[in-house]
C-alpha cells in the first residue's frame, strides 16, 4: 500500500540558522521563510515564474525586501527551495521502482512494480497539488532564470523513467520498443491525466486513473508470455 500523502511538506531552510534549533530566532526564521515560499508559490501559479518579481513576493508575504536576502539569494533559489522536497520524493519513488525492476522475475513482477510507482506518484500529486500544478505549468517552458530548477526536475524525471524502461528491456520483460519513445509517451499521458484532474475534467479517482494508465501501457508493450514460451520451446 502506498504511504499516506503528507500535506504541507516542510521546505528546506538555508544552511545558516541563527540561534538554537527550536529556539525563538530559529522559529522566526522558519516562519518568515515559509511565508515567502507560500507567497511565491501562489504568485507563480497565478502569473507564471517569469512574471513575478522579488518585490511582488515580499509584498505578498508582508516582509521587507531587504529581509528577503537573509533567506534566499535569488528568485531561482526560491524556486529550487519550493520543489526540493517534492523532487526528492518523486525521484525516490523512481529509484525504488528501479531497484524492484532489477530483481523482477517476470511480467507479473513488472506490472506490480509499475502499479506501485503509479500509486506513489498519484499520492504525491494529491498531497502537493499546487506544486504539481506549478510543475505542469512551467516544465515545458524555456529553461531560464527561476524556471531552471523546474526544468532540471523535468529532465531528471525523464531520465529516471527511461532507466526503468532500460532495466525492463535488459531483462527481456518488455517488447523491443525504443526506451525514449515508451518513456516519453508514458510521461506525456501522465501529464495529460494530471491536466484533466486539475481542471476538474477527470471522472475517476486519480489513483484509479494512474493504475488504469499503467495497465494500458503494459498491455501494449509488455512481452507476450505465450510468444516467449514458444521461442523457448523452439530453442530447446
C-alpha atoms as a PDB file:
ATOM      1  CA  UNK A   1       0.000   0.000   0.000  1.00  0.00           C
ATOM      2  CA  UNK A   2       1.310   3.488  -0.751  1.00  0.00           C
ATOM      3  CA  UNK A   3       2.121   5.713   2.132  1.00  0.00           C
ATOM      4  CA  UNK A   4      -0.482   8.298   3.022  1.00  0.00           C
ATOM      5  CA  UNK A   5       0.306  11.602   1.283  1.00  0.00           C
ATOM      6  CA  UNK A   6       1.860  14.130   3.607  1.00  0.00           C
ATOM      7  CA  UNK A   7       0.383  17.557   3.227  1.00  0.00           C
ATOM      8  CA  UNK A   8       2.436  20.636   3.887  1.00  0.00           C
ATOM      9  CA  UNK A   9       5.864  19.036   3.449  1.00  0.00           C
ATOM     10  CA  UNK A  10       8.370  21.232   5.313  1.00  0.00           C
ATOM     11  CA  UNK A  11      10.560  23.259   2.978  1.00  0.00           C
ATOM     12  CA  UNK A  12      14.331  23.173   3.451  1.00  0.00           C
ATOM     13  CA  UNK A  13      15.805  26.182   5.205  1.00  0.00           C
ATOM     14  CA  UNK A  14      19.013  27.919   4.175  1.00  0.00           C
ATOM     15  CA  UNK A  15      22.007  26.274   5.839  1.00  0.00           C
ATOM     16  CA  UNK A  16      22.812  29.076   8.263  1.00  0.00           C
ATOM     17  CA  UNK A  17      20.339  29.098  11.182  1.00  0.00           C
ATOM     18  CA  UNK A  18      20.553  31.744  13.905  1.00  0.00           C
ATOM     19  CA  UNK A  19      20.198  30.585  17.485  1.00  0.00           C
ATOM     20  CA  UNK A  20      19.460  27.119  18.782  1.00  0.00           C
ATOM     21  CA  UNK A  21      17.270  24.826  16.699  1.00  0.00           C
ATOM     22  CA  UNK A  22      13.750  25.193  18.012  1.00  0.00           C
ATOM     23  CA  UNK A  23      14.565  28.471  19.726  1.00  0.00           C
ATOM     24  CA  UNK A  24      12.777  31.778  19.148  1.00  0.00           C
ATOM     25  CA  UNK A  25      15.134  33.033  16.443  1.00  0.00           C
ATOM     26  CA  UNK A  26      15.030  29.714  14.626  1.00  0.00           C
ATOM     27  CA  UNK A  27      11.210  29.670  14.766  1.00  0.00           C
ATOM     28  CA  UNK A  28      11.041  33.219  13.434  1.00  0.00           C
ATOM     29  CA  UNK A  29      13.384  32.295  10.605  1.00  0.00           C
ATOM     30  CA  UNK A  30      11.244  29.307   9.712  1.00  0.00           C
ATOM     31  CA  UNK A  31       8.062  31.367   9.828  1.00  0.00           C
ATOM     32  CA  UNK A  32       9.458  34.064   7.520  1.00  0.00           C
ATOM     33  CA  UNK A  33      10.938  31.533   5.120  1.00  0.00           C
ATOM     34  CA  UNK A  34       7.648  29.664   4.954  1.00  0.00           C
ATOM     35  CA  UNK A  35       5.759  32.929   4.432  1.00  0.00           C
ATOM     36  CA  UNK A  36       7.986  33.872   1.497  1.00  0.00           C
ATOM     37  CA  UNK A  37       7.677  30.395  -0.069  1.00  0.00           C
ATOM     38  CA  UNK A  38       3.895  30.332   0.261  1.00  0.00           C
ATOM     39  CA  UNK A  39       3.612  33.805  -1.261  1.00  0.00           C
ATOM     40  CA  UNK A  40       5.923  32.843  -4.114  1.00  0.00           C
ATOM     41  CA  UNK A  41       4.045  29.615  -4.824  1.00  0.00           C
ATOM     42  CA  UNK A  42       0.714  31.416  -5.024  1.00  0.00           C
ATOM     43  CA  UNK A  43       2.061  34.199  -7.267  1.00  0.00           C
ATOM     44  CA  UNK A  44       3.960  31.766  -9.521  1.00  0.00           C
ATOM     45  CA  UNK A  45       0.744  29.826 -10.099  1.00  0.00           C
ATOM     46  CA  UNK A  46      -1.253  32.955 -10.843  1.00  0.00           C
ATOM     47  CA  UNK A  47       1.246  34.753 -13.090  1.00  0.00           C
ATOM     48  CA  UNK A  48       3.990  32.317 -14.081  1.00  0.00           C
ATOM     49  CA  UNK A  49       7.530  32.188 -12.734  1.00  0.00           C
ATOM     50  CA  UNK A  50       8.982  34.798 -15.062  1.00  0.00           C
ATOM     51  CA  UNK A  51       6.209  37.322 -14.399  1.00  0.00           C
ATOM     52  CA  UNK A  52       6.731  37.575 -10.643  1.00  0.00           C
ATOM     53  CA  UNK A  53       9.384  39.799  -9.083  1.00  0.00           C
ATOM     54  CA  UNK A  54      11.069  39.678  -5.694  1.00  0.00           C
ATOM     55  CA  UNK A  55       9.168  42.850  -4.847  1.00  0.00           C
ATOM     56  CA  UNK A  56       5.919  41.008  -5.594  1.00  0.00           C
ATOM     57  CA  UNK A  57       6.892  38.121  -3.331  1.00  0.00           C
ATOM     58  CA  UNK A  58       7.948  40.268  -0.372  1.00  0.00           C
ATOM     59  CA  UNK A  59       4.848  42.441  -0.721  1.00  0.00           C
ATOM     60  CA  UNK A  60       2.570  39.391  -0.761  1.00  0.00           C
ATOM     61  CA  UNK A  61       4.419  37.873   2.222  1.00  0.00           C
ATOM     62  CA  UNK A  62       4.412  41.130   4.194  1.00  0.00           C
ATOM     63  CA  UNK A  63       8.208  41.029   4.502  1.00  0.00           C
ATOM     64  CA  UNK A  64      10.650  43.868   3.833  1.00  0.00           C
ATOM     65  CA  UNK A  65      12.604  43.365   0.617  1.00  0.00           C
ATOM     66  CA  UNK A  66      15.865  43.691   2.478  1.00  0.00           C
ATOM     67  CA  UNK A  67      14.890  40.735   4.645  1.00  0.00           C
ATOM     68  CA  UNK A  68      14.412  38.544   1.568  1.00  0.00           C
ATOM     69  CA  UNK A  69      18.153  38.216   1.047  1.00  0.00           C
ATOM     70  CA  UNK A  70      18.636  36.915   4.566  1.00  0.00           C
ATOM     71  CA  UNK A  71      16.800  33.766   3.459  1.00  0.00           C
ATOM     72  CA  UNK A  72      17.246  33.466  -0.308  1.00  0.00           C
ATOM     73  CA  UNK A  73      19.864  34.614  -2.779  1.00  0.00           C
ATOM     74  CA  UNK A  74      17.516  34.983  -5.763  1.00  0.00           C
ATOM     75  CA  UNK A  75      14.139  34.081  -7.223  1.00  0.00           C
ATOM     76  CA  UNK A  76      15.765  30.920  -8.637  1.00  0.00           C
ATOM     77  CA  UNK A  77      16.758  29.997  -5.086  1.00  0.00           C
ATOM     78  CA  UNK A  78      13.102  30.358  -4.046  1.00  0.00           C
ATOM     79  CA  UNK A  79      12.011  28.113  -6.915  1.00  0.00           C
ATOM     80  CA  UNK A  80      14.605  25.494  -6.005  1.00  0.00           C
ATOM     81  CA  UNK A  81      13.529  25.512  -2.358  1.00  0.00           C
ATOM     82  CA  UNK A  82       9.871  25.170  -3.338  1.00  0.00           C
ATOM     83  CA  UNK A  83      10.497  21.986  -5.303  1.00  0.00           C
ATOM     84  CA  UNK A  84      13.303  20.429  -3.248  1.00  0.00           C
ATOM     85  CA  UNK A  85      11.220  18.157  -1.008  1.00  0.00           C
ATOM     86  CA  UNK A  86       8.827  17.098  -3.769  1.00  0.00           C
ATOM     87  CA  UNK A  87      11.715  16.354  -6.135  1.00  0.00           C
ATOM     88  CA  UNK A  88      13.380  14.179  -3.518  1.00  0.00           C
ATOM     89  CA  UNK A  89      10.206  12.141  -3.018  1.00  0.00           C
ATOM     90  CA  UNK A  90       9.383  11.777  -6.720  1.00  0.00           C
ATOM     91  CA  UNK A  91      12.901  10.692  -7.646  1.00  0.00           C
ATOM     92  CA  UNK A  92      12.978   8.426  -4.605  1.00  0.00           C
ATOM     93  CA  UNK A  93       9.862   6.642  -5.884  1.00  0.00           C
ATOM     94  CA  UNK A  94      11.532   6.100  -9.249  1.00  0.00           C
ATOM     95  CA  UNK A  95      14.715   4.820  -7.567  1.00  0.00           C
ATOM     96  CA  UNK A  96      12.734   2.273  -5.530  1.00  0.00           C
ATOM     97  CA  UNK A  97      10.938   1.125  -8.667  1.00  0.00           C
ATOM     98  CA  UNK A  98      14.253   0.721 -10.479  1.00  0.00           C
ATOM     99  CA  UNK A  99      15.621  -1.476  -7.679  1.00  0.00           C
ATOM    100  CA  UNK A 100      12.459  -3.603  -7.788  1.00  0.00           C
ATOM    101  CA  UNK A 101      12.689  -3.996 -11.560  1.00  0.00           C
ATOM    102  CA  UNK A 102      16.277  -5.187 -11.341  1.00  0.00           C
ATOM    103  CA  UNK A 103      15.026  -8.114  -9.242  1.00  0.00           C
ATOM    104  CA  UNK A 104      11.840  -8.689 -11.272  1.00  0.00           C
ATOM    105  CA  UNK A 105      11.388 -12.323 -12.320  1.00  0.00           C
ATOM    106  CA  UNK A 106       8.661 -11.927 -14.922  1.00  0.00           C
ATOM    107  CA  UNK A 107       5.852  -9.796 -16.393  1.00  0.00           C
ATOM    108  CA  UNK A 108       3.765 -10.075 -13.210  1.00  0.00           C
ATOM    109  CA  UNK A 109       6.580  -8.511 -11.177  1.00  0.00           C
ATOM    110  CA  UNK A 110       6.990  -5.761 -13.768  1.00  0.00           C
ATOM    111  CA  UNK A 111       3.288  -4.976 -13.579  1.00  0.00           C
ATOM    112  CA  UNK A 112       3.347  -4.882  -9.773  1.00  0.00           C
ATOM    113  CA  UNK A 113       6.364  -2.559  -9.773  1.00  0.00           C
ATOM    114  CA  UNK A 114       4.833  -0.081 -12.203  1.00  0.00           C
ATOM    115  CA  UNK A 115       1.485  -0.161 -10.401  1.00  0.00           C
ATOM    116  CA  UNK A 116       3.183   0.658  -7.115  1.00  0.00           C
ATOM    117  CA  UNK A 117       5.108   3.505  -8.740  1.00  0.00           C
ATOM    118  CA  UNK A 118       1.861   4.845 -10.192  1.00  0.00           C
ATOM    119  CA  UNK A 119       0.187   4.788  -6.786  1.00  0.00           C
ATOM    120  CA  UNK A 120       3.125   6.544  -5.130  1.00  0.00           C
ATOM    121  CA  UNK A 121       3.234   9.308  -7.736  1.00  0.00           C
ATOM    122  CA  UNK A 122      -0.531   9.815  -7.610  1.00  0.00           C
ATOM    123  CA  UNK A 123      -0.356  10.111  -3.814  1.00  0.00           C
ATOM    124  CA  UNK A 124       2.368  12.752  -4.119  1.00  0.00           C
ATOM    125  CA  UNK A 125       0.258  14.767  -6.550  1.00  0.00           C
ATOM    126  CA  UNK A 126      -2.754  14.580  -4.240  1.00  0.00           C
ATOM    127  CA  UNK A 127      -0.568  15.640  -1.302  1.00  0.00           C
ATOM    128  CA  UNK A 128       1.067  18.604  -3.100  1.00  0.00           C
ATOM    129  CA  UNK A 129      -1.480  19.769  -5.709  1.00  0.00           C
ATOM    130  CA  UNK A 130      -0.211  23.349  -6.000  1.00  0.00           C
ATOM    131  CA  UNK A 131       3.374  22.290  -6.676  1.00  0.00           C
ATOM    132  CA  UNK A 132       2.212  19.629  -9.126  1.00  0.00           C
ATOM    133  CA  UNK A 133       0.197  22.260 -10.995  1.00  0.00           C
ATOM    134  CA  UNK A 134       3.152  24.635 -10.990  1.00  0.00           C
ATOM    135  CA  UNK A 135       5.407  21.895 -12.336  1.00  0.00           C
ATOM    136  CA  UNK A 136       2.985  21.176 -15.209  1.00  0.00           C
ATOM    137  CA  UNK A 137       2.699  24.881 -15.904  1.00  0.00           C
ATOM    138  CA  UNK A 138       6.434  25.555 -16.125  1.00  0.00           C
ATOM    139  CA  UNK A 139       8.173  22.298 -17.106  1.00  0.00           C
ATOM    140  CA  UNK A 140       7.778  22.787 -20.872  1.00  0.00           C
ATOM    141  CA  UNK A 141       8.780  26.443 -20.967  1.00  0.00           C
ATOM    142  CA  UNK A 142      12.265  27.856 -21.715  1.00  0.00           C
ATOM    143  CA  UNK A 143      14.968  26.859 -19.253  1.00  0.00           C
ATOM    144  CA  UNK A 144      15.847  30.305 -17.930  1.00  0.00           C
ATOM    145  CA  UNK A 145      16.257  32.013 -14.556  1.00  0.00           C
ATOM    146  CA  UNK A 146      13.768  30.895 -11.897  1.00  0.00           C
ATOM    147  CA  UNK A 147      12.453  28.157 -14.184  1.00  0.00           C
ATOM    148  CA  UNK A 148      15.801  26.323 -14.216  1.00  0.00           C
ATOM    149  CA  UNK A 149      15.074  24.161 -11.115  1.00  0.00           C
ATOM    150  CA  UNK A 150      11.738  23.056 -12.638  1.00  0.00           C
ATOM    151  CA  UNK A 151      13.338  22.145 -15.957  1.00  0.00           C
ATOM    152  CA  UNK A 152      16.092  20.311 -14.104  1.00  0.00           C
ATOM    153  CA  UNK A 153      13.466  18.233 -12.300  1.00  0.00           C
ATOM    154  CA  UNK A 154      11.732  17.551 -15.630  1.00  0.00           C
ATOM    155  CA  UNK A 155      14.994  16.206 -17.078  1.00  0.00           C
ATOM    156  CA  UNK A 156      15.639  14.080 -14.001  1.00  0.00           C
ATOM    157  CA  UNK A 157      12.137  12.574 -14.176  1.00  0.00           C
ATOM    158  CA  UNK A 158      12.572  11.813 -17.886  1.00  0.00           C
ATOM    159  CA  UNK A 159      15.947  10.185 -17.224  1.00  0.00           C
ATOM    160  CA  UNK A 160      14.528   8.120 -14.345  1.00  0.00           C
ATOM    161  CA  UNK A 161      11.619   6.921 -16.499  1.00  0.00           C
ATOM    162  CA  UNK A 162      13.996   5.901 -19.256  1.00  0.00           C
ATOM    163  CA  UNK A 163      16.208   3.992 -16.818  1.00  0.00           C
ATOM    164  CA  UNK A 164      13.167   1.962 -15.752  1.00  0.00           C
ATOM    165  CA  UNK A 165      12.475   1.054 -19.362  1.00  0.00           C
ATOM    166  CA  UNK A 166      16.149   0.195 -19.968  1.00  0.00           C
ATOM    167  CA  UNK A 167      16.170  -2.157 -16.964  1.00  0.00           C
ATOM    168  CA  UNK A 168      12.951  -3.904 -18.010  1.00  0.00           C
ATOM    169  CA  UNK A 169      14.207  -4.253 -21.593  1.00  0.00           C
ATOM    170  CA  UNK A 170      17.501  -5.620 -20.340  1.00  0.00           C
ATOM    171  CA  UNK A 171      15.626  -8.382 -18.503  1.00  0.00           C
ATOM    172  CA  UNK A 172      13.591  -9.171 -21.621  1.00  0.00           C
ATOM    173  CA  UNK A 173      10.406  -8.104 -19.853  1.00  0.00           C
ATOM    174  CA  UNK A 174       9.219  -5.543 -22.424  1.00  0.00           C
ATOM    175  CA  UNK A 175       8.917  -5.559 -26.177  1.00  0.00           C
ATOM    176  CA  UNK A 176      11.742  -4.026 -28.176  1.00  0.00           C
ATOM    177  CA  UNK A 177      10.336  -0.513 -28.229  1.00  0.00           C
ATOM    178  CA  UNK A 178      12.875   2.300 -28.121  1.00  0.00           C
ATOM    179  CA  UNK A 179      13.087   3.303 -24.426  1.00  0.00           C
ATOM    180  CA  UNK A 180      12.910   7.016 -25.201  1.00  0.00           C
ATOM    181  CA  UNK A 181       9.698   6.556 -27.177  1.00  0.00           C
ATOM    182  CA  UNK A 182       7.995   4.479 -24.483  1.00  0.00           C
ATOM    183  CA  UNK A 183       9.141   6.596 -21.519  1.00  0.00           C
ATOM    184  CA  UNK A 184       8.208   9.922 -23.133  1.00  0.00           C
ATOM    185  CA  UNK A 185       4.850   8.508 -24.219  1.00  0.00           C
ATOM    186  CA  UNK A 186       4.052   7.497 -20.655  1.00  0.00           C
ATOM    187  CA  UNK A 187       5.203  10.848 -19.237  1.00  0.00           C
ATOM    188  CA  UNK A 188       3.000  12.654 -21.756  1.00  0.00           C
ATOM    189  CA  UNK A 189      -0.015  10.511 -20.846  1.00  0.00           C
ATOM    190  CA  UNK A 190       0.546  11.102 -17.128  1.00  0.00           C
ATOM    191  CA  UNK A 191       0.771  14.859 -17.613  1.00  0.00           C
ATOM    192  CA  UNK A 192      -2.439  14.867 -19.655  1.00  0.00           C
ATOM    193  CA  UNK A 193      -4.228  12.960 -16.888  1.00  0.00           C
ATOM    194  CA  UNK A 194      -2.972  15.463 -14.337  1.00  0.00           C
ATOM    195  CA  UNK A 195      -4.131  18.337 -16.504  1.00  0.00           C
ATOM    196  CA  UNK A 196      -7.620  16.799 -16.609  1.00  0.00           C
ATOM    197  CA  UNK A 197      -7.538  16.244 -12.843  1.00  0.00           C
ATOM    198  CA  UNK A 198      -6.580  19.828 -12.009  1.00  0.00           C
ATOM    199  CA  UNK A 199      -9.199  21.236 -14.388  1.00  0.00           C
ATOM    200  CA  UNK A 200     -12.000  19.108 -12.973  1.00  0.00           C
ATOM    201  CA  UNK A 201     -12.249  17.003 -16.140  1.00  0.00           C
ATOM    202  CA  UNK A 202     -11.137  13.657 -14.698  1.00  0.00           C
ATOM    203  CA  UNK A 203     -14.159  11.468 -13.992  1.00  0.00           C
ATOM    204  CA  UNK A 204     -12.340   8.903 -11.834  1.00  0.00           C
ATOM    205  CA  UNK A 205     -10.172   8.986  -8.743  1.00  0.00           C
ATOM    206  CA  UNK A 206      -6.574   9.938  -9.729  1.00  0.00           C
ATOM    207  CA  UNK A 207      -5.212   6.805  -8.032  1.00  0.00           C
ATOM    208  CA  UNK A 208      -7.515   4.665 -10.166  1.00  0.00           C
ATOM    209  CA  UNK A 209      -6.654   6.674 -13.282  1.00  0.00           C
ATOM    210  CA  UNK A 210      -2.927   6.174 -12.724  1.00  0.00           C
ATOM    211  CA  UNK A 211      -3.335   2.426 -12.235  1.00  0.00           C
ATOM    212  CA  UNK A 212      -5.505   2.167 -15.348  1.00  0.00           C
ATOM    213  CA  UNK A 213      -2.851   4.007 -17.355  1.00  0.00           C
ATOM    214  CA  UNK A 214      -0.157   1.594 -16.143  1.00  0.00           C
ATOM    215  CA  UNK A 215      -2.257  -1.379 -17.212  1.00  0.00           C
ATOM    216  CA  UNK A 216      -2.994   0.140 -20.630  1.00  0.00           C
ATOM    217  CA  UNK A 217       0.690   0.840 -21.240  1.00  0.00           C
ATOM    218  CA  UNK A 218       1.922  -2.539 -20.047  1.00  0.00           C
ATOM    219  CA  UNK A 219      -0.686  -4.411 -22.075  1.00  0.00           C
ATOM    220  CA  UNK A 220       0.710  -2.602 -25.080  1.00  0.00           C
ATOM    221  CA  UNK A 221       4.472  -3.018 -24.575  1.00  0.00           C
ATOM    222  CA  UNK A 222       4.980  -5.963 -22.260  1.00  0.00           C
ATOM    223  CA  UNK A 223       6.377  -9.176 -23.726  1.00  0.00           C
ATOM    224  CA  UNK A 224       3.786 -11.716 -24.834  1.00  0.00           C
ATOM    225  CA  UNK A 225       4.233 -14.649 -22.449  1.00  0.00           C
ATOM    226  CA  UNK A 226       2.870 -17.192 -24.972  1.00  0.00           C
ATOM    227  CA  UNK A 227       5.280 -15.969 -27.619  1.00  0.00           C
ATOM    228  CA  UNK A 228       8.132 -16.218 -25.134  1.00  0.00           C
ATOM    229  CA  UNK A 229       7.168 -19.794 -24.276  1.00  0.00           C
ATOM    230  CA  UNK A 230       7.082 -20.708 -27.972  1.00  0.00           C
ATOM    231  CA  UNK A 231      10.522 -19.200 -28.547  1.00  0.00           C
ATOM    232  CA  UNK A 232      11.907 -21.164 -25.584  1.00  0.00           C
ATOM    233  CA  UNK A 233      10.427 -24.384 -26.976  1.00  0.00           C
ATOM    234  CA  UNK A 234      11.962 -23.798 -30.402  1.00  0.00           C
ATOM    235  CA  UNK A 235      15.367 -23.098 -28.870  1.00  0.00           C
ATOM    236  CA  UNK A 236      15.280 -26.272 -26.807  1.00  0.00           C
END
